[in-house]
PDB file of N, CA and C in Angstrom:
ATOM      1  N   MET A   1     -27.253 -15.729   6.427  1.00  0.00           N
ATOM      2  CA  MET A   1     -26.373 -14.860   7.121  1.00  0.00           C
ATOM      3  C   MET A   1     -24.961 -14.681   6.217  1.00  0.00           C
ATOM      4  N   THR A   2     -24.549 -13.422   5.928  1.00  0.00           N
ATOM      5  CA  THR A   2     -23.019 -13.169   5.435  1.00  0.00           C
ATOM      6  C   THR A   2     -22.347 -13.261   6.507  1.00  0.00           C
ATOM      7  N   GLU A   3     -21.096 -13.938   6.339  1.00  0.00           N
ATOM      8  CA  GLU A   3     -20.074 -13.520   7.341  1.00  0.00           C
ATOM      9  C   GLU A   3     -18.943 -12.598   7.114  1.00  0.00           C
ATOM     10  N   HIS A   4     -19.016 -11.970   8.012  1.00  0.00           N
ATOM     11  CA  HIS A   4     -17.771 -10.802   8.109  1.00  0.00           C
ATOM     12  C   HIS A   4     -16.657 -10.712   8.737  1.00  0.00           C
ATOM     13  N   ILE A   5     -15.609 -10.692   7.999  1.00  0.00           N
ATOM     14  CA  ILE A   5     -14.124 -11.033   8.190  1.00  0.00           C
ATOM     15  C   ILE A   5     -13.553  -9.926   8.103  1.00  0.00           C
ATOM     16  N   LYS A   6     -12.853  -9.390   9.293  1.00  0.00           N
ATOM     17  CA  LYS A   6     -12.099  -8.000   8.969  1.00  0.00           C
ATOM     18  C   LYS A   6     -10.538  -8.216   8.748  1.00  0.00           C
ATOM     19  N   ILE A   7     -10.266  -7.598   7.558  1.00  0.00           N
ATOM     20  CA  ILE A   7      -8.534  -7.923   7.236  1.00  0.00           C
ATOM     21  C   ILE A   7      -8.042  -6.671   6.814  1.00  0.00           C
ATOM     22  N   THR A   8      -6.729  -6.495   7.012  1.00  0.00           N
ATOM     23  CA  THR A   8      -6.101  -5.285   7.036  1.00  0.00           C
ATOM     24  C   THR A   8      -5.274  -5.236   5.490  1.00  0.00           C
ATOM     25  N   ILE A   9      -5.598  -4.648   4.739  1.00  0.00           N
ATOM     26  CA  ILE A   9      -5.062  -4.846   3.432  1.00  0.00           C
ATOM     27  C   ILE A   9      -4.388  -3.441   2.982  1.00  0.00           C
ATOM     28  N   HIS A  10      -3.213  -3.423   2.340  1.00  0.00           N
ATOM     29  CA  HIS A  10      -2.722  -2.332   2.116  1.00  0.00           C
ATOM     30  C   HIS A  10      -3.602  -1.601   1.489  1.00  0.00           C
ATOM     31  N   PRO A  11      -3.398  -0.295   1.685  1.00  0.00           N
ATOM     32  CA  PRO A  11      -4.226   0.989   1.057  1.00  0.00           C
ATOM     33  C   PRO A  11      -4.394   1.071  -0.460  1.00  0.00           C
ATOM     34  N   GLN A  12      -3.016   0.706  -1.137  1.00  0.00           N
ATOM     35  CA  GLN A  12      -2.605   0.755  -2.496  1.00  0.00           C
ATOM     36  C   GLN A  12      -2.919  -0.414  -3.307  1.00  0.00           C
ATOM     37  N   ALA A  13      -3.276  -1.394  -2.569  1.00  0.00           N
ATOM     38  CA  ALA A  13      -3.757  -3.053  -3.009  1.00  0.00           C
ATOM     39  C   ALA A  13      -4.737  -2.503  -4.126  1.00  0.00           C
ATOM     40  N   PRO A  14      -4.760  -3.414  -5.337  1.00  0.00           N
ATOM     41  CA  PRO A  14      -5.634  -3.078  -6.133  1.00  0.00           C
ATOM     42  C   PRO A  14      -7.264  -3.711  -5.780  1.00  0.00           C
ATOM     43  N   LEU A  15      -8.463  -3.298  -6.242  1.00  0.00           N
ATOM     44  CA  LEU A  15      -9.663  -3.826  -5.930  1.00  0.00           C
ATOM     45  C   LEU A  15      -9.443  -5.442  -6.109  1.00  0.00           C
ATOM     46  N   LYS A  16     -10.123  -6.108  -5.413  1.00  0.00           N
ATOM     47  CA  LYS A  16     -10.734  -7.666  -5.890  1.00  0.00           C
ATOM     48  C   LYS A  16     -11.152  -7.417  -7.138  1.00  0.00           C
ATOM     49  N   PRO A  17     -10.893  -8.525  -8.080  1.00  0.00           N
ATOM     50  CA  PRO A  17     -11.523  -8.828  -9.043  1.00  0.00           C
ATOM     51  C   PRO A  17     -12.623  -9.691  -8.981  1.00  0.00           C
ATOM     52  N   ALA A  18     -13.607 -10.092  -9.883  1.00  0.00           N
ATOM     53  CA  ALA A  18     -14.673 -10.552  -9.883  1.00  0.00           C
ATOM     54  C   ALA A  18     -14.066 -12.080  -9.865  1.00  0.00           C
ATOM     55  N   GLU A  19     -15.085 -13.240  -9.062  1.00  0.00           N
ATOM     56  CA  GLU A  19     -14.584 -14.322  -9.273  1.00  0.00           C
ATOM     57  C   GLU A  19     -14.318 -14.971 -10.790  1.00  0.00           C
ATOM     58  N   GLY A  20     -13.060 -15.650 -10.852  1.00  0.00           N
ATOM     59  CA  GLY A  20     -13.004 -15.929 -12.456  1.00  0.00           C
ATOM     60  C   GLY A  20     -12.343 -14.916 -13.444  1.00  0.00           C
ATOM     61  N   GLN A  21     -12.307 -13.662 -12.881  1.00  0.00           N
ATOM     62  CA  GLN A  21     -11.222 -12.780 -13.651  1.00  0.00           C
ATOM     63  C   GLN A  21      -9.829 -12.961 -13.333  1.00  0.00           C
ATOM     64  N   PRO A  22      -8.665 -12.502 -14.141  1.00  0.00           N
ATOM     65  CA  PRO A  22      -7.323 -12.794 -13.645  1.00  0.00           C
ATOM     66  C   PRO A  22      -7.000 -12.327 -12.478  1.00  0.00           C
ATOM     67  N   CYS A  23      -5.810 -12.624 -11.739  1.00  0.00           N
ATOM     68  CA  CYS A  23      -5.566 -12.495 -10.391  1.00  0.00           C
ATOM     69  C   CYS A  23      -4.966 -10.987 -10.864  1.00  0.00           C
ATOM     70  N   ASN A  24      -5.197 -10.138  -9.774  1.00  0.00           N
ATOM     71  CA  ASN A  24      -4.356  -8.845  -9.865  1.00  0.00           C
ATOM     72  C   ASN A  24      -3.714  -8.454  -8.731  1.00  0.00           C
ATOM     73  N   GLY A  25      -3.412  -9.428  -7.899  1.00  0.00           N
ATOM     74  CA  GLY A  25      -2.341  -8.965  -6.687  1.00  0.00           C
ATOM     75  C   GLY A  25      -3.118  -8.527  -5.471  1.00  0.00           C
ATOM     76  N   CYS A  26      -4.170  -8.369  -5.358  1.00  0.00           N
ATOM     77  CA  CYS A  26      -5.259  -7.596  -4.396  1.00  0.00           C
ATOM     78  C   CYS A  26      -4.899  -8.065  -2.819  1.00  0.00           C
ATOM     79  N   GLY A  27      -4.763  -9.836  -2.828  1.00  0.00           N
ATOM     80  CA  GLY A  27      -4.291 -10.266  -1.728  1.00  0.00           C
ATOM     81  C   GLY A  27      -5.720 -10.832  -0.642  1.00  0.00           C
ATOM     82  N   VAL A  28      -6.711 -10.510  -1.166  1.00  0.00           N
ATOM     83  CA  VAL A  28      -7.861 -10.352  -0.353  1.00  0.00           C
ATOM     84  C   VAL A  28      -7.908 -12.281   0.065  1.00  0.00           C
ATOM     85  N   CYS A  29      -7.817 -12.961  -0.687  1.00  0.00           N
ATOM     86  CA  CYS A  29      -7.943 -14.273  -0.735  1.00  0.00           C
ATOM     87  C   CYS A  29      -6.670 -14.843   0.520  1.00  0.00           C
ATOM     88  N   CYS A  30      -5.366 -14.514   0.388  1.00  0.00           N
ATOM     89  CA  CYS A  30      -4.531 -14.620   1.393  1.00  0.00           C
ATOM     90  C   CYS A  30      -4.538 -14.004   2.571  1.00  0.00           C
ATOM     91  N   LEU A  31      -5.365 -12.895   2.582  1.00  0.00           N
ATOM     92  CA  LEU A  31      -5.578 -11.993   3.821  1.00  0.00           C
ATOM     93  C   LEU A  31      -6.500 -12.763   4.826  1.00  0.00           C
ATOM     94  N   VAL A  32      -7.420 -13.455   4.133  1.00  0.00           N
ATOM     95  CA  VAL A  32      -8.634 -14.046   4.870  1.00  0.00           C
ATOM     96  C   VAL A  32      -8.282 -15.631   5.364  1.00  0.00           C
ATOM     97  N   GLU A  33      -7.595 -16.175   4.472  1.00  0.00           N
ATOM     98  CA  GLU A  33      -7.219 -17.557   5.180  1.00  0.00           C
ATOM     99  C   GLU A  33      -6.093 -17.867   4.142  1.00  0.00           C
ATOM    100  N   PRO A  34      -5.076 -18.835   4.781  1.00  0.00           N
ATOM    101  CA  PRO A  34      -4.244 -19.417   4.066  1.00  0.00           C
ATOM    102  C   PRO A  34      -4.622 -20.720   3.251  1.00  0.00           C
ATOM    103  N   CYS A  35      -4.206 -20.744   1.830  1.00  0.00           N
ATOM    104  CA  CYS A  35      -4.812 -21.956   1.119  1.00  0.00           C
ATOM    105  C   CYS A  35      -3.692 -23.190   1.441  1.00  0.00           C
ATOM    106  N   PRO A  36      -3.812 -24.272   1.229  1.00  0.00           N
ATOM    107  CA  PRO A  36      -3.339 -25.552   1.554  1.00  0.00           C
ATOM    108  C   PRO A  36      -1.749 -25.499   1.602  1.00  0.00           C
ATOM    109  N   LEU A  37      -1.343 -24.664   1.043  1.00  0.00           N
ATOM    110  CA  LEU A  37       0.292 -24.600   0.796  1.00  0.00           C
ATOM    111  C   LEU A  37       0.434 -23.743   1.685  1.00  0.00           C
ATOM    112  N   GLY A  38      -0.107 -22.653   1.953  1.00  0.00           N
ATOM    113  CA  GLY A  38       0.017 -21.546   3.070  1.00  0.00           C
ATOM    114  C   GLY A  38      -0.092 -22.044   4.300  1.00  0.00           C
ATOM    115  N   MET A  39      -1.087 -23.069   4.485  1.00  0.00           N
ATOM    116  CA  MET A  39      -1.177 -23.914   5.873  1.00  0.00           C
ATOM    117  C   MET A  39       0.069 -24.351   6.200  1.00  0.00           C
ATOM    118  N   VAL A  40       0.695 -25.103   5.370  1.00  0.00           N
ATOM    119  CA  VAL A  40       1.946 -25.935   5.821  1.00  0.00           C
ATOM    120  C   VAL A  40       3.258 -24.999   6.041  1.00  0.00           C
ATOM    121  N   LEU A  41       3.482 -23.834   4.835  1.00  0.00           N
ATOM    122  CA  LEU A  41       4.283 -23.061   5.099  1.00  0.00           C
ATOM    123  C   LEU A  41       4.176 -22.129   6.220  1.00  0.00           C
ATOM    124  N   SER A  42       3.349 -21.611   6.416  1.00  0.00           N
ATOM    125  CA  SER A  42       2.749 -20.753   7.545  1.00  0.00           C
ATOM    126  C   SER A  42       2.196 -21.441   8.982  1.00  0.00           C
ATOM    127  N   LEU A  43       2.152 -22.412   8.878  1.00  0.00           N
ATOM    128  CA  LEU A  43       1.842 -23.328  10.417  1.00  0.00           C
ATOM    129  C   LEU A  43       0.601 -22.911  10.788  1.00  0.00           C
ATOM    130  N   LYS A  44      -0.495 -22.324   9.797  1.00  0.00           N
ATOM    131  CA  LYS A  44      -1.664 -22.132  10.733  1.00  0.00           C
ATOM    132  C   LYS A  44      -2.750 -22.120   9.676  1.00  0.00           C
ATOM    133  N   THR A  45      -4.150 -22.380  10.038  1.00  0.00           N
ATOM    134  CA  THR A  45      -4.973 -23.002   9.066  1.00  0.00           C
ATOM    135  C   THR A  45      -5.947 -21.872   9.069  1.00  0.00           C
ATOM    136  N   GLN A  46      -5.825 -20.610  10.091  1.00  0.00           N
ATOM    137  CA  GLN A  46      -6.920 -19.644   9.755  1.00  0.00           C
ATOM    138  C   GLN A  46      -6.309 -18.360   9.853  1.00  0.00           C
ATOM    139  N   GLY A  47      -6.729 -17.015   9.331  1.00  0.00           N
ATOM    140  CA  GLY A  47      -6.148 -15.773   9.334  1.00  0.00           C
ATOM    141  C   GLY A  47      -5.270 -15.744   8.141  1.00  0.00           C
ATOM    142  N   ALA A  48      -4.711 -14.550   8.220  1.00  0.00           N
ATOM    143  CA  ALA A  48      -3.850 -13.957   7.225  1.00  0.00           C
ATOM    144  C   ALA A  48      -2.438 -15.145   6.947  1.00  0.00           C
ATOM    145  N   CYS A  49      -2.138 -15.173   5.746  1.00  0.00           N
ATOM    146  CA  CYS A  49      -1.075 -16.124   5.476  1.00  0.00           C
ATOM    147  C   CYS A  49      -0.115 -15.584   5.595  1.00  0.00           C
ATOM    148  N   ARG A  50       0.765 -16.073   6.730  1.00  0.00           N
ATOM    149  CA  ARG A  50       2.343 -15.446   6.688  1.00  0.00           C
ATOM    150  C   ARG A  50       3.216 -15.501   5.646  1.00  0.00           C
ATOM    151  N   MET A  51       2.812 -16.214   4.538  1.00  0.00           N
ATOM    152  CA  MET A  51       3.718 -16.266   3.207  1.00  0.00           C
ATOM    153  C   MET A  51       3.388 -15.041   2.299  1.00  0.00           C
ATOM    154  N   LEU A  52       2.335 -14.237   2.627  1.00  0.00           N
ATOM    155  CA  LEU A  52       1.811 -13.143   1.765  1.00  0.00           C
ATOM    156  C   LEU A  52       2.761 -12.007   1.829  1.00  0.00           C
ATOM    157  N   ARG A  53       3.187 -11.461   0.580  1.00  0.00           N
ATOM    158  CA  ARG A  53       4.302 -10.357   0.819  1.00  0.00           C
ATOM    159  C   ARG A  53       3.772  -9.254  -0.046  1.00  0.00           C
ATOM    160  N   TRP A  54       3.851  -8.005   0.330  1.00  0.00           N
ATOM    161  CA  TRP A  54       3.323  -6.744  -0.436  1.00  0.00           C
ATOM    162  C   TRP A  54       5.023  -6.477  -0.936  1.00  0.00           C
ATOM    163  N   HIS A  55       4.716  -5.884  -2.450  1.00  0.00           N
ATOM    164  CA  HIS A  55       5.759  -5.187  -2.932  1.00  0.00           C
ATOM    165  C   HIS A  55       5.273  -3.901  -3.566  1.00  0.00           C
ATOM    166  N   ASP A  56       5.851  -2.810  -2.903  1.00  0.00           N
ATOM    167  CA  ASP A  56       5.754  -1.411  -2.976  1.00  0.00           C
ATOM    168  C   ASP A  56       5.936  -1.133  -4.631  1.00  0.00           C
ATOM    169  N   GLU A  57       7.178  -1.872  -5.172  1.00  0.00           N
ATOM    170  CA  GLU A  57       7.604  -1.409  -6.545  1.00  0.00           C
ATOM    171  C   GLU A  57       6.368  -2.031  -7.697  1.00  0.00           C
ATOM    172  N   LEU A  58       5.769  -2.986  -7.074  1.00  0.00           N
ATOM    173  CA  LEU A  58       4.727  -3.404  -7.965  1.00  0.00           C
ATOM    174  C   LEU A  58       3.352  -2.913  -7.749  1.00  0.00           C
ATOM    175  N   GLY A  59       3.060  -2.541  -6.496  1.00  0.00           N
ATOM    176  CA  GLY A  59       1.706  -2.168  -6.009  1.00  0.00           C
ATOM    177  C   GLY A  59       0.808  -3.547  -5.934  1.00  0.00           C
ATOM    178  N   LEU A  60       1.310  -4.411  -5.682  1.00  0.00           N
ATOM    179  CA  LEU A  60       0.577  -5.653  -5.174  1.00  0.00           C
ATOM    180  C   LEU A  60       0.933  -6.441  -4.278  1.00  0.00           C
ATOM    181  N   TYR A  61       0.143  -7.637  -4.048  1.00  0.00           N
ATOM    182  CA  TYR A  61       0.722  -8.805  -3.478  1.00  0.00           C
ATOM    183  C   TYR A  61       1.068  -9.699  -3.819  1.00  0.00           C
ATOM    184  N   ARG A  62       1.884 -10.864  -3.512  1.00  0.00           N
ATOM    185  CA  ARG A  62       2.333 -11.997  -4.138  1.00  0.00           C
ATOM    186  C   ARG A  62       2.773 -13.152  -3.079  1.00  0.00           C
ATOM    187  N   CYS A  63       2.609 -14.317  -3.622  1.00  0.00           N
ATOM    188  CA  CYS A  63       2.904 -15.345  -2.477  1.00  0.00           C
ATOM    189  C   CYS A  63       4.328 -15.431  -2.272  1.00  0.00           C
ATOM    190  N   GLY A  64       4.901 -15.505  -1.214  1.00  0.00           N
ATOM    191  CA  GLY A  64       6.201 -15.584  -0.777  1.00  0.00           C
ATOM    192  C   GLY A  64       6.939 -16.858  -1.076  1.00  0.00           C
ATOM    193  N   ALA A  65       5.977 -17.977  -1.477  1.00  0.00           N
ATOM    194  CA  ALA A  65       6.400 -19.211  -2.007  1.00  0.00           C
ATOM    195  C   ALA A  65       7.062 -18.989  -3.403  1.00  0.00           C
ATOM    196  N   LEU A  66       6.428 -18.263  -3.940  1.00  0.00           N
ATOM    197  CA  LEU A  66       7.242 -18.114  -5.584  1.00  0.00           C
ATOM    198  C   LEU A  66       8.651 -17.639  -5.662  1.00  0.00           C
ATOM    199  N   GLU A  67       9.006 -16.987  -4.290  1.00  0.00           N
ATOM    200  CA  GLU A  67      10.437 -16.131  -4.036  1.00  0.00           C
ATOM    201  C   GLU A  67      11.493 -17.436  -3.785  1.00  0.00           C
ATOM    202  N   VAL A  68      10.832 -18.520  -3.396  1.00  0.00           N
ATOM    203  CA  VAL A  68      11.955 -19.665  -3.025  1.00  0.00           C
ATOM    204  C   VAL A  68      12.040 -20.706  -4.221  1.00  0.00           C
ATOM    205  N   PRO A  69      13.477 -20.633  -4.753  1.00  0.00           N
ATOM    206  CA  PRO A  69      13.728 -21.046  -5.602  1.00  0.00           C
ATOM    207  C   PRO A  69      13.213 -22.639  -5.694  1.00  0.00           C
ATOM    208  N   VAL A  70      13.447 -23.576  -4.701  1.00  0.00           N
ATOM    209  CA  VAL A  70      13.067 -24.817  -4.659  1.00  0.00           C
ATOM    210  C   VAL A  70      11.508 -24.869  -4.834  1.00  0.00           C
ATOM    211  N   LEU A  71      10.868 -24.219  -4.136  1.00  0.00           N
ATOM    212  CA  LEU A  71       9.135 -24.126  -4.458  1.00  0.00           C
ATOM    213  C   LEU A  71       8.473 -23.536  -5.396  1.00  0.00           C
ATOM    214  N   LYS A  72       9.224 -22.765  -6.051  1.00  0.00           N
ATOM    215  CA  LYS A  72       8.371 -21.663  -7.218  1.00  0.00           C
ATOM    216  C   LYS A  72       7.835 -22.718  -7.930  1.00  0.00           C
ATOM    217  N   HIS A  73       8.082 -23.747  -8.869  1.00  0.00           N
ATOM    218  CA  HIS A  73       7.474 -24.602  -9.754  1.00  0.00           C
ATOM    219  C   HIS A  73       6.242 -25.272  -9.113  1.00  0.00           C
ATOM    220  N   LEU A  74       6.318 -25.881  -7.827  1.00  0.00           N
ATOM    221  CA  LEU A  74       5.189 -26.320  -7.334  1.00  0.00           C
ATOM    222  C   LEU A  74       4.280 -25.217  -6.676  1.00  0.00           C
ATOM    223  N   ALA A  75       4.693 -24.368  -6.258  1.00  0.00           N
ATOM    224  CA  ALA A  75       3.986 -23.245  -5.495  1.00  0.00           C
ATOM    225  C   ALA A  75       3.011 -22.721  -6.941  1.00  0.00           C
ATOM    226  N   ARG A  76       3.542 -22.490  -7.803  1.00  0.00           N
ATOM    227  CA  ARG A  76       2.730 -21.691  -9.060  1.00  0.00           C
ATOM    228  C   ARG A  76       1.638 -22.790  -9.106  1.00  0.00           C
ATOM    229  N   ARG A  77       1.599 -24.189  -9.140  1.00  0.00           N
ATOM    230  CA  ARG A  77       0.789 -24.955  -9.363  1.00  0.00           C
ATOM    231  C   ARG A  77      -0.377 -25.213  -8.296  1.00  0.00           C
ATOM    232  N   TRP A  78       0.176 -25.325  -7.067  1.00  0.00           N
ATOM    233  CA  TRP A  78      -0.573 -25.384  -5.683  1.00  0.00           C
ATOM    234  C   TRP A  78      -1.381 -24.411  -5.686  1.00  0.00           C
ATOM    235  N   ILE A  79      -1.039 -22.884  -5.950  1.00  0.00           N
ATOM    236  CA  ILE A  79      -1.908 -21.715  -5.825  1.00  0.00           C
ATOM    237  C   ILE A  79      -2.581 -21.242  -6.780  1.00  0.00           C
ATOM    238  N   ALA A  80      -2.563 -22.182  -7.699  1.00  0.00           N
ATOM    239  CA  ALA A  80      -3.269 -22.078  -9.360  1.00  0.00           C
ATOM    240  C   ALA A  80      -2.803 -20.672  -9.884  1.00  0.00           C
ATOM    241  N   ALA A  81      -1.664 -20.342  -9.669  1.00  0.00           N
ATOM    242  CA  ALA A  81      -1.123 -18.980 -10.127  1.00  0.00           C
ATOM    243  C   ALA A  81      -1.603 -19.150 -11.733  1.00  0.00           C
ATOM    244  N   GLY A  82      -2.222 -17.920 -12.284  1.00  0.00           N
ATOM    245  CA  GLY A  82      -2.620 -17.608 -13.582  1.00  0.00           C
ATOM    246  C   GLY A  82      -3.789 -18.217 -13.791  1.00  0.00           C
ATOM    247  N   VAL A  83      -4.613 -18.860 -13.016  1.00  0.00           N
ATOM    248  CA  VAL A  83      -6.098 -19.586 -13.213  1.00  0.00           C
ATOM    249  C   VAL A  83      -7.215 -18.614 -13.118  1.00  0.00           C
ATOM    250  N   GLY A  84      -7.083 -17.795 -12.093  1.00  0.00           N
ATOM    251  CA  GLY A  84      -7.991 -16.459 -12.081  1.00  0.00           C
ATOM    252  C   GLY A  84      -8.438 -16.659 -10.646  1.00  0.00           C
ATOM    253  N   CYS A  85      -9.139 -15.406 -10.161  1.00  0.00           N
ATOM    254  CA  CYS A  85      -9.895 -15.538  -8.985  1.00  0.00           C
ATOM    255  C   CYS A  85     -10.629 -16.436  -8.535  1.00  0.00           C
ATOM    256  N   ASP A  86     -10.435 -17.069  -7.214  1.00  0.00           N
ATOM    257  CA  ASP A  86     -11.300 -17.941  -6.776  1.00  0.00           C
ATOM    258  C   ASP A  86     -11.873 -17.835  -5.363  1.00  0.00           C
ATOM    259  N   CYS A  87     -11.794 -16.620  -5.022  1.00  0.00           N
ATOM    260  CA  CYS A  87     -11.968 -16.071  -3.870  1.00  0.00           C
ATOM    261  C   CYS A  87     -13.315 -15.522  -3.516  1.00  0.00           C
ATOM    262  N   SER A  88     -14.461 -15.861  -2.930  1.00  0.00           N
ATOM    263  CA  SER A  88     -15.851 -15.358  -2.690  1.00  0.00           C
ATOM    264  C   SER A  88     -15.881 -14.154  -1.880  1.00  0.00           C
ATOM    265  N   TYR A  89     -15.007 -13.723  -1.222  1.00  0.00           N
ATOM    266  CA  TYR A  89     -15.099 -12.594  -0.345  1.00  0.00           C
ATOM    267  C   TYR A  89     -14.931 -11.569  -1.317  1.00  0.00           C
ATOM    268  N   GLU A  90     -15.437 -10.314  -0.687  1.00  0.00           N
ATOM    269  CA  GLU A  90     -15.567  -8.841  -1.330  1.00  0.00           C
ATOM    270  C   GLU A  90     -14.383  -8.206  -0.206  1.00  0.00           C
ATOM    271  N   ASP A  91     -13.829  -7.206  -0.900  1.00  0.00           N
ATOM    272  CA  ASP A  91     -12.691  -6.414  -0.037  1.00  0.00           C
ATOM    273  C   ASP A  91     -13.684  -5.296   0.776  1.00  0.00           C
ATOM    274  N   GLY A  92     -14.798  -4.849   0.231  1.00  0.00           N
ATOM    275  CA  GLY A  92     -15.599  -3.868   0.902  1.00  0.00           C
ATOM    276  C   GLY A  92     -15.078  -2.493   0.466  1.00  0.00           C
ATOM    277  N   ARG A  93     -13.978  -2.308  -0.496  1.00  0.00           N
ATOM    278  CA  ARG A  93     -13.481  -1.090  -0.915  1.00  0.00           C
ATOM    279  C   ARG A  93     -14.358  -0.601  -2.173  1.00  0.00           C
ATOM    280  N   GLY A  94     -14.922  -1.601  -2.989  1.00  0.00           N
ATOM    281  CA  GLY A  94     -15.154  -1.346  -4.368  1.00  0.00           C
ATOM    282  C   GLY A  94     -16.613  -0.952  -4.697  1.00  0.00           C
TER     283      GLY A  94
END
């Protein structure tokens, strides 16, 4: 049985790419659940990560940990920035 999780996604967010494709800032992964870094920073293990930030000027989501100078380098590695989409959830818009 397929698990259905309801998330609230910005209407202008890009559609989620296929797994393995480059991240496009759709936010689906972080809206479903925080990554290990997000769990520590947002003090929660389920639901949308509190570190996720919407950027109107870019039309996409980004991890708020990347905006903290002391965390930026480690955050890029811990969230696997630039590695590609590893989220198996679909956002249901595509």
